[in-house]
Amino acid sequence: MNQKAGRFDCYLNDPVLPENIANIERQMGIEMPSELKQLYMLNNGQNHQYGVVYALDFLSVEEMYRRVY
Protein backbone atom coordinates (compact mmCIF):
# COMPACT_ATOMS: atom_id res chain seq x y z
CA MET A 1 0.00 0.00 0.00
CA ASN A 2 1.95 2.96 -1.25
CA GLN A 3 -0.58 5.22 -2.91
CA LYS A 4 -0.21 8.97 -2.70
CA ALA A 5 -2.75 11.77 -2.89
CA GLY A 6 -1.84 12.90 -6.41
CA ARG A 7 -2.14 16.66 -6.76
CA PHE A 8 -2.01 17.15 -2.98
CA ASP A 9 1.45 15.60 -2.52
CA CYS A 10 3.07 19.02 -2.24
CA TYR A 11 0.90 19.79 0.82
CA LEU A 12 1.66 16.56 2.70
CA ASN A 13 4.62 15.48 4.81
CA ASP A 14 6.71 12.40 4.14
CA PRO A 15 5.65 9.14 5.83
CA VAL A 16 6.30 8.60 9.51
CA LEU A 17 8.51 5.70 10.55
CA PRO A 18 6.81 2.79 12.34
CA GLU A 19 9.21 3.34 15.27
CA ASN A 20 7.88 6.88 15.71
CA ILE A 21 4.30 5.61 15.78
CA ALA A 22 5.25 2.98 18.38
CA ASN A 23 6.97 5.68 20.47
CA ILE A 24 3.89 7.95 20.40
CA GLU A 25 1.65 4.99 21.27
CA ARG A 26 3.86 4.22 24.29
CA GLN A 27 3.78 7.84 25.43
CA MET A 28 -0.01 7.99 25.09
CA GLY A 29 -0.58 4.53 26.58
CA ILE A 30 -2.83 3.47 23.69
CA GLU A 31 -2.62 1.61 20.41
CA MET A 32 -3.78 3.52 17.34
CA PRO A 33 -6.19 1.78 14.97
CA SER A 34 -4.34 0.04 12.14
CA GLU A 35 -6.06 2.28 9.57
CA LEU A 36 -4.69 5.39 11.27
CA LYS A 37 -1.19 3.90 11.35
CA GLN A 38 -1.46 3.08 7.64
CA LEU A 39 -2.52 6.65 6.90
CA TYR A 40 0.47 8.06 8.79
CA MET A 41 2.80 5.64 7.01
CA LEU A 42 1.65 7.27 3.75
CA ASN A 43 1.90 10.87 4.98
CA ASN A 44 2.72 12.26 8.40
CA GLY A 45 0.27 15.13 8.33
CA GLN A 46 0.34 18.28 6.25
CA ASN A 47 2.98 20.94 5.68
CA HIS A 48 0.49 23.63 4.67
CA GLN A 49 -1.01 26.27 6.95
CA TYR A 50 -4.59 25.61 5.79
CA GLY A 51 -6.41 22.31 6.14
CA VAL A 52 -5.96 20.17 3.06
CA VAL A 53 -8.78 17.69 3.74
CA TYR A 54 -12.17 19.44 3.70
CA ALA A 55 -10.40 22.49 5.16
CA LEU A 56 -9.45 20.47 8.27
CA ASP A 57 -5.91 20.16 9.55
CA PHE A 58 -4.21 16.80 9.03
CA LEU A 59 -1.97 16.71 12.08
CA SER A 60 1.34 14.88 12.20
CA VAL A 61 1.60 12.22 14.90
CA GLU A 62 3.85 14.55 16.89
CA GLU A 63 1.39 17.45 16.67
CA MET A 64 -1.50 15.14 17.54
CA TYR A 65 0.38 14.12 20.71
CA ARG A 66 1.17 17.75 21.61
CA ARG A 67 -2.47 18.78 21.27
CA VAL A 68 -3.78 15.87 23.33
CA TYR A 69 -1.11 15.89 26.03
PDB file of N, CA and C in Angstrom:
ATOM      1  N   MET A   1       0.841  -1.185   0.000  1.00  0.00           N
ATOM      2  CA  MET A   1       0.000   0.000   0.000  1.00  0.00           C
ATOM      3  C   MET A   1       0.881   1.242   0.000  1.00  0.00           C
ATOM      4  N   ASN A   2       1.126   1.777  -1.151  1.00  0.00           N
ATOM      5  CA  ASN A   2       1.951   2.964  -1.248  1.00  0.00           C
ATOM      6  C   ASN A   2       1.347   3.940  -2.246  1.00  0.00           C
ATOM      7  N   GLN A   3       0.097   4.288  -2.036  1.00  0.00           N
ATOM      8  CA  GLN A   3      -0.584   5.223  -2.909  1.00  0.00           C
ATOM      9  C   GLN A   3      -0.516   6.615  -2.314  1.00  0.00           C
ATOM     10  N   LYS A   4      -0.294   7.589  -3.152  1.00  0.00           N
ATOM     11  CA  LYS A   4      -0.209   8.967  -2.700  1.00  0.00           C
ATOM     12  C   LYS A   4      -1.453   9.738  -3.125  1.00  0.00           C
ATOM     13  N   ALA A   5      -1.551  10.957  -2.678  1.00  0.00           N
ATOM     14  CA  ALA A   5      -2.748  11.766  -2.885  1.00  0.00           C
ATOM     15  C   ALA A   5      -2.718  12.568  -4.183  1.00  0.00           C
ATOM     16  N   GLY A   6      -1.864  12.214  -5.124  1.00  0.00           N
ATOM     17  CA  GLY A   6      -1.841  12.896  -6.410  1.00  0.00           C
ATOM     18  C   GLY A   6      -1.491  14.364  -6.311  1.00  0.00           C
ATOM     19  N   ARG A   7      -2.420  15.222  -6.704  1.00  0.00           N
ATOM     20  CA  ARG A   7      -2.139  16.660  -6.760  1.00  0.00           C
ATOM     21  C   ARG A   7      -1.922  17.298  -5.396  1.00  0.00           C
ATOM     22  N   PHE A   8      -2.192  16.591  -4.323  1.00  0.00           N
ATOM     23  CA  PHE A   8      -2.011  17.148  -2.978  1.00  0.00           C
ATOM     24  C   PHE A   8      -0.667  16.792  -2.356  1.00  0.00           C
ATOM     25  N   ASP A   9       0.146  16.022  -3.064  1.00  0.00           N
ATOM     26  CA  ASP A   9       1.447  15.604  -2.524  1.00  0.00           C
ATOM     27  C   ASP A   9       2.265  16.762  -1.968  1.00  0.00           C
ATOM     28  N   CYS A  10       2.240  17.886  -2.656  1.00  0.00           N
ATOM     29  CA  CYS A  10       3.071  19.021  -2.235  1.00  0.00           C
ATOM     30  C   CYS A  10       2.620  19.604  -0.899  1.00  0.00           C
ATOM     31  N   TYR A  11       1.411  19.270  -0.449  1.00  0.00           N
ATOM     32  CA  TYR A  11       0.900  19.789   0.825  1.00  0.00           C
ATOM     33  C   TYR A  11       1.068  18.806   1.982  1.00  0.00           C
ATOM     34  N   LEU A  12       1.586  17.609   1.693  1.00  0.00           N
ATOM     35  CA  LEU A  12       1.660  16.556   2.697  1.00  0.00           C
ATOM     36  C   LEU A  12       3.100  16.229   3.061  1.00  0.00           C
ATOM     37  N   ASN A  13       3.302  15.874   4.318  1.00  0.00           N
ATOM     38  CA  ASN A  13       4.623  15.477   4.806  1.00  0.00           C
ATOM     39  C   ASN A  13       4.970  14.068   4.340  1.00  0.00           C
ATOM     40  N   ASP A  14       6.246  13.752   4.428  1.00  0.00           N
ATOM     41  CA  ASP A  14       6.706  12.401   4.141  1.00  0.00           C
ATOM     42  C   ASP A  14       6.131  11.429   5.165  1.00  0.00           C
ATOM     43  N   PRO A  15       6.177  10.151   4.887  1.00  0.00           N
ATOM     44  CA  PRO A  15       5.652   9.143   5.828  1.00  0.00           C
ATOM     45  C   PRO A  15       6.386   9.170   7.165  1.00  0.00           C
ATOM     46  N   VAL A  16       5.689   8.750   8.190  1.00  0.00           N
ATOM     47  CA  VAL A  16       6.296   8.596   9.511  1.00  0.00           C
ATOM     48  C   VAL A  16       6.878   7.176   9.599  1.00  0.00           C
ATOM     49  N   LEU A  17       7.917   7.022  10.351  1.00  0.00           N
ATOM     50  CA  LEU A  17       8.507   5.698  10.548  1.00  0.00           C
ATOM     51  C   LEU A  17       7.683   4.915  11.568  1.00  0.00           C
ATOM     52  N   PRO A  18       7.552   3.603  11.373  1.00  0.00           N
ATOM     53  CA  PRO A  18       6.805   2.788  12.343  1.00  0.00           C
ATOM     54  C   PRO A  18       7.327   2.936  13.772  1.00  0.00           C
ATOM     55  N   GLU A  19       8.634   3.149  13.923  1.00  0.00           N
ATOM     56  CA  GLU A  19       9.207   3.341  15.274  1.00  0.00           C
ATOM     57  C   GLU A  19       8.657   4.592  15.935  1.00  0.00           C
ATOM     58  N   ASN A  20       8.432   5.642  15.150  1.00  0.00           N
ATOM     59  CA  ASN A  20       7.876   6.879  15.706  1.00  0.00           C
ATOM     60  C   ASN A  20       6.433   6.680  16.156  1.00  0.00           C
ATOM     61  N   ILE A  21       5.670   5.917  15.379  1.00  0.00           N
ATOM     62  CA  ILE A  21       4.301   5.609  15.779  1.00  0.00           C
ATOM     63  C   ILE A  21       4.309   4.816  17.080  1.00  0.00           C
ATOM     64  N   ALA A  22       5.162   3.805  17.163  1.00  0.00           N
ATOM     65  CA  ALA A  22       5.253   2.985  18.378  1.00  0.00           C
ATOM     66  C   ALA A  22       5.645   3.841  19.580  1.00  0.00           C
ATOM     67  N   ASN A  23       6.533   4.791  19.381  1.00  0.00           N
ATOM     68  CA  ASN A  23       6.970   5.676  20.465  1.00  0.00           C
ATOM     69  C   ASN A  23       5.811   6.547  20.950  1.00  0.00           C
ATOM     70  N   ILE A  24       5.055   7.124  20.030  1.00  0.00           N
ATOM     71  CA  ILE A  24       3.893   7.951  20.398  1.00  0.00           C
ATOM     72  C   ILE A  24       2.849   7.096  21.114  1.00  0.00           C
ATOM     73  N   GLU A  25       2.614   5.880  20.616  1.00  0.00           N
ATOM     74  CA  GLU A  25       1.652   4.987  21.269  1.00  0.00           C
ATOM     75  C   GLU A  25       2.083   4.697  22.712  1.00  0.00           C
ATOM     76  N   ARG A  26       3.365   4.456  22.929  1.00  0.00           N
ATOM     77  CA  ARG A  26       3.862   4.217  24.292  1.00  0.00           C
ATOM     78  C   ARG A  26       3.635   5.437  25.176  1.00  0.00           C
ATOM     79  N   GLN A  27       3.942   6.615  24.645  1.00  0.00           N
ATOM     80  CA  GLN A  27       3.782   7.843  25.426  1.00  0.00           C
ATOM     81  C   GLN A  27       2.315   8.098  25.772  1.00  0.00           C
ATOM     82  N   MET A  28       1.407   7.762  24.847  1.00  0.00           N
ATOM     83  CA  MET A  28      -0.014   7.989  25.094  1.00  0.00           C
ATOM     84  C   MET A  28      -0.661   6.843  25.857  1.00  0.00           C
ATOM     85  N   GLY A  29      -0.014   5.687  25.890  1.00  0.00           N
ATOM     86  CA  GLY A  29      -0.577   4.530  26.575  1.00  0.00           C
ATOM     87  C   GLY A  29      -1.740   3.898  25.834  1.00  0.00           C
ATOM     88  N   ILE A  30      -1.760   4.050  24.515  1.00  0.00           N
ATOM     89  CA  ILE A  30      -2.828   3.471  23.686  1.00  0.00           C
ATOM     90  C   ILE A  30      -2.212   2.864  22.433  1.00  0.00           C
ATOM     91  N   GLU A  31      -3.012   2.076  21.732  1.00  0.00           N
ATOM     92  CA  GLU A  31      -2.616   1.614  20.409  1.00  0.00           C
ATOM     93  C   GLU A  31      -3.555   2.247  19.399  1.00  0.00           C
ATOM     94  N   MET A  32      -2.972   2.893  18.393  1.00  0.00           N
ATOM     95  CA  MET A  32      -3.778   3.516  17.343  1.00  0.00           C
ATOM     96  C   MET A  32      -4.417   2.442  16.481  1.00  0.00           C
ATOM     97  N   PRO A  33      -5.593   2.721  15.923  1.00  0.00           N
ATOM     98  CA  PRO A  33      -6.192   1.783  14.971  1.00  0.00           C
ATOM     99  C   PRO A  33      -5.248   1.563  13.784  1.00  0.00           C
ATOM    100  N   SER A  34      -5.259   0.368  13.242  1.00  0.00           N
ATOM    101  CA  SER A  34      -4.341   0.042  12.143  1.00  0.00           C
ATOM    102  C   SER A  34      -4.553   0.966  10.937  1.00  0.00           C
ATOM    103  N   GLU A  35      -5.794   1.384  10.692  1.00  0.00           N
ATOM    104  CA  GLU A  35      -6.062   2.282   9.567  1.00  0.00           C
ATOM    105  C   GLU A  35      -5.373   3.636   9.752  1.00  0.00           C
ATOM    106  N   LEU A  36      -5.351   4.124  10.985  1.00  0.00           N
ATOM    107  CA  LEU A  36      -4.687   5.395  11.268  1.00  0.00           C
ATOM    108  C   LEU A  36      -3.174   5.253  11.085  1.00  0.00           C
ATOM    109  N   LYS A  37      -2.624   4.144  11.544  1.00  0.00           N
ATOM    110  CA  LYS A  37      -1.187   3.900  11.354  1.00  0.00           C
ATOM    111  C   LYS A  37      -0.853   3.842   9.862  1.00  0.00           C
ATOM    112  N   GLN A  38      -1.698   3.172   9.088  1.00  0.00           N
ATOM    113  CA  GLN A  38      -1.464   3.080   7.639  1.00  0.00           C
ATOM    114  C   GLN A  38      -1.501   4.458   6.992  1.00  0.00           C
ATOM    115  N   LEU A  39      -2.435   5.297   7.424  1.00  0.00           N
ATOM    116  CA  LEU A  39      -2.522   6.648   6.903  1.00  0.00           C
ATOM    117  C   LEU A  39      -1.237   7.417   7.187  1.00  0.00           C
ATOM    118  N   TYR A  40      -0.747   7.349   8.433  1.00  0.00           N
ATOM    119  CA  TYR A  40       0.473   8.062   8.795  1.00  0.00           C
ATOM    120  C   TYR A  40       1.699   7.491   8.105  1.00  0.00           C
ATOM    121  N   MET A  41       1.670   6.218   7.736  1.00  0.00           N
ATOM    122  CA  MET A  41       2.803   5.643   7.011  1.00  0.00           C
ATOM    123  C   MET A  41       2.774   6.021   5.526  1.00  0.00           C
ATOM    124  N   LEU A  42       1.687   6.662   5.087  1.00  0.00           N
ATOM    125  CA  LEU A  42       1.647   7.270   3.755  1.00  0.00           C
ATOM    126  C   LEU A  42       2.105   8.722   3.829  1.00  0.00           C
ATOM    127  N   ASN A  43       1.556   9.462   4.785  1.00  0.00           N
ATOM    128  CA  ASN A  43       1.901  10.872   4.983  1.00  0.00           C
ATOM    129  C   ASN A  43       1.743  11.213   6.454  1.00  0.00           C
ATOM    130  N   ASN A  44       2.742  11.860   7.000  1.00  0.00           N
ATOM    131  CA  ASN A  44       2.717  12.262   8.402  1.00  0.00           C
ATOM    132  C   ASN A  44       2.169  13.683   8.523  1.00  0.00           C
ATOM    133  N   GLY A  45       0.905  13.827   8.200  1.00  0.00           N
ATOM    134  CA  GLY A  45       0.266  15.129   8.328  1.00  0.00           C
ATOM    135  C   GLY A  45       0.557  16.037   7.147  1.00  0.00           C
ATOM    136  N   GLN A  46       0.200  17.283   7.321  1.00  0.00           N
ATOM    137  CA  GLN A  46       0.339  18.280   6.254  1.00  0.00           C
ATOM    138  C   GLN A  46       1.465  19.245   6.564  1.00  0.00           C
ATOM    139  N   ASN A  47       1.948  19.915   5.521  1.00  0.00           N
ATOM    140  CA  ASN A  47       2.982  20.941   5.683  1.00  0.00           C
ATOM    141  C   ASN A  47       2.453  22.296   5.193  1.00  0.00           C
ATOM    142  N   HIS A  48       1.159  22.439   5.188  1.00  0.00           N
ATOM    143  CA  HIS A  48       0.487  23.628   4.666  1.00  0.00           C
ATOM    144  C   HIS A  48      -0.283  24.273   5.807  1.00  0.00           C
ATOM    145  N   GLN A  49      -0.367  25.602   5.812  1.00  0.00           N
ATOM    146  CA  GLN A  49      -1.008  26.270   6.946  1.00  0.00           C
ATOM    147  C   GLN A  49      -2.520  26.122   6.962  1.00  0.00           C
ATOM    148  N   TYR A  50      -3.136  25.793   5.837  1.00  0.00           N
ATOM    149  CA  TYR A  50      -4.586  25.608   5.789  1.00  0.00           C
ATOM    150  C   TYR A  50      -4.903  24.129   5.659  1.00  0.00           C
ATOM    151  N   GLY A  51      -6.015  23.698   6.216  1.00  0.00           N
ATOM    152  CA  GLY A  51      -6.413  22.306   6.143  1.00  0.00           C
ATOM    153  C   GLY A  51      -6.537  21.826   4.712  1.00  0.00           C
ATOM    154  N   VAL A  52      -5.962  20.684   4.431  1.00  0.00           N
ATOM    155  CA  VAL A  52      -5.959  20.167   3.063  1.00  0.00           C
ATOM    156  C   VAL A  52      -7.047  19.130   2.822  1.00  0.00           C
ATOM    157  N   VAL A  53      -7.706  18.670   3.870  1.00  0.00           N
ATOM    158  CA  VAL A  53      -8.782  17.695   3.738  1.00  0.00           C
ATOM    159  C   VAL A  53     -10.064  18.355   4.245  1.00  0.00           C
ATOM    160  N   TYR A  54     -10.929  18.738   3.337  1.00  0.00           N
ATOM    161  CA  TYR A  54     -12.173  19.437   3.703  1.00  0.00           C
ATOM    162  C   TYR A  54     -11.912  20.624   4.619  1.00  0.00           C
ATOM    163  N   ALA A  55     -10.816  21.316   4.387  1.00  0.00           N
ATOM    164  CA  ALA A  55     -10.397  22.494   5.164  1.00  0.00           C
ATOM    165  C   ALA A  55     -10.067  22.167   6.619  1.00  0.00           C
ATOM    166  N   LEU A  56      -9.859  20.893   6.923  1.00  0.00           N
ATOM    167  CA  LEU A  56      -9.454  20.469   8.270  1.00  0.00           C
ATOM    168  C   LEU A  56      -7.962  20.184   8.289  1.00  0.00           C
ATOM    169  N   ASP A  57      -7.326  20.456   9.413  1.00  0.00           N
ATOM    170  CA  ASP A  57      -5.908  20.163   9.549  1.00  0.00           C
ATOM    171  C   ASP A  57      -5.671  18.658   9.641  1.00  0.00           C
ATOM    172  N   PHE A  58      -4.667  18.189   8.946  1.00  0.00           N
ATOM    173  CA  PHE A  58      -4.214  16.805   9.028  1.00  0.00           C
ATOM    174  C   PHE A  58      -2.937  16.845   9.855  1.00  0.00           C
ATOM    175  N   LEU A  59      -3.074  16.579  11.144  1.00  0.00           N
ATOM    176  CA  LEU A  59      -1.965  16.712  12.083  1.00  0.00           C
ATOM    177  C   LEU A  59      -0.959  15.588  11.916  1.00  0.00           C
ATOM    178  N   SER A  60       0.312  15.912  12.120  1.00  0.00           N
ATOM    179  CA  SER A  60       1.338  14.878  12.197  1.00  0.00           C
ATOM    180  C   SER A  60       1.142  14.127  13.513  1.00  0.00           C
ATOM    181  N   VAL A  61       1.749  12.956  13.649  1.00  0.00           N
ATOM    182  CA  VAL A  61       1.597  12.216  14.904  1.00  0.00           C
ATOM    183  C   VAL A  61       2.169  13.011  16.066  1.00  0.00           C
ATOM    184  N   GLU A  62       3.246  13.745  15.820  1.00  0.00           N
ATOM    185  CA  GLU A  62       3.848  14.546  16.888  1.00  0.00           C
ATOM    186  C   GLU A  62       2.923  15.681  17.318  1.00  0.00           C
ATOM    187  N   GLU A  63       2.318  16.355  16.352  1.00  0.00           N
ATOM    188  CA  GLU A  63       1.394  17.448  16.669  1.00  0.00           C
ATOM    189  C   GLU A  63       0.129  16.912  17.331  1.00  0.00           C
ATOM    190  N   MET A  64      -0.336  15.769  16.896  1.00  0.00           N
ATOM    191  CA  MET A  64      -1.499  15.142  17.539  1.00  0.00           C
ATOM    192  C   MET A  64      -1.189  14.907  19.021  1.00  0.00           C
ATOM    193  N   TYR A  65      -0.012  14.378  19.321  1.00  0.00           N
ATOM    194  CA  TYR A  65       0.381  14.120  20.706  1.00  0.00           C
ATOM    195  C   TYR A  65       0.441  15.429  21.498  1.00  0.00           C
ATOM    196  N   ARG A  66       1.058  16.463  20.918  1.00  0.00           N
ATOM    197  CA  ARG A  66       1.172  17.752  21.614  1.00  0.00           C
ATOM    198  C   ARG A  66      -0.194  18.351  21.940  1.00  0.00           C
ATOM    199  N   ARG A  67      -1.136  18.204  21.032  1.00  0.00           N
ATOM    200  CA  ARG A  67      -2.473  18.782  21.266  1.00  0.00           C
ATOM    201  C   ARG A  67      -3.293  18.003  22.270  1.00  0.00           C
ATOM    202  N   VAL A  68      -3.030  16.703  22.394  1.00  0.00           N
ATOM    203  CA  VAL A  68      -3.783  15.868  23.330  1.00  0.00           C
ATOM    204  C   VAL A  68      -3.141  15.907  24.711  1.00  0.00           C
ATOM    205  N   TYR A  69      -1.819  15.937  24.745  1.00  0.00           N
ATOM    206  CA  TYR A  69      -1.113  15.887  26.029  1.00  0.00           C
ATOM    207  C   TYR A  69      -0.387  17.163  26.219  1.00  0.00           C
TER     208      TYR A  69
END
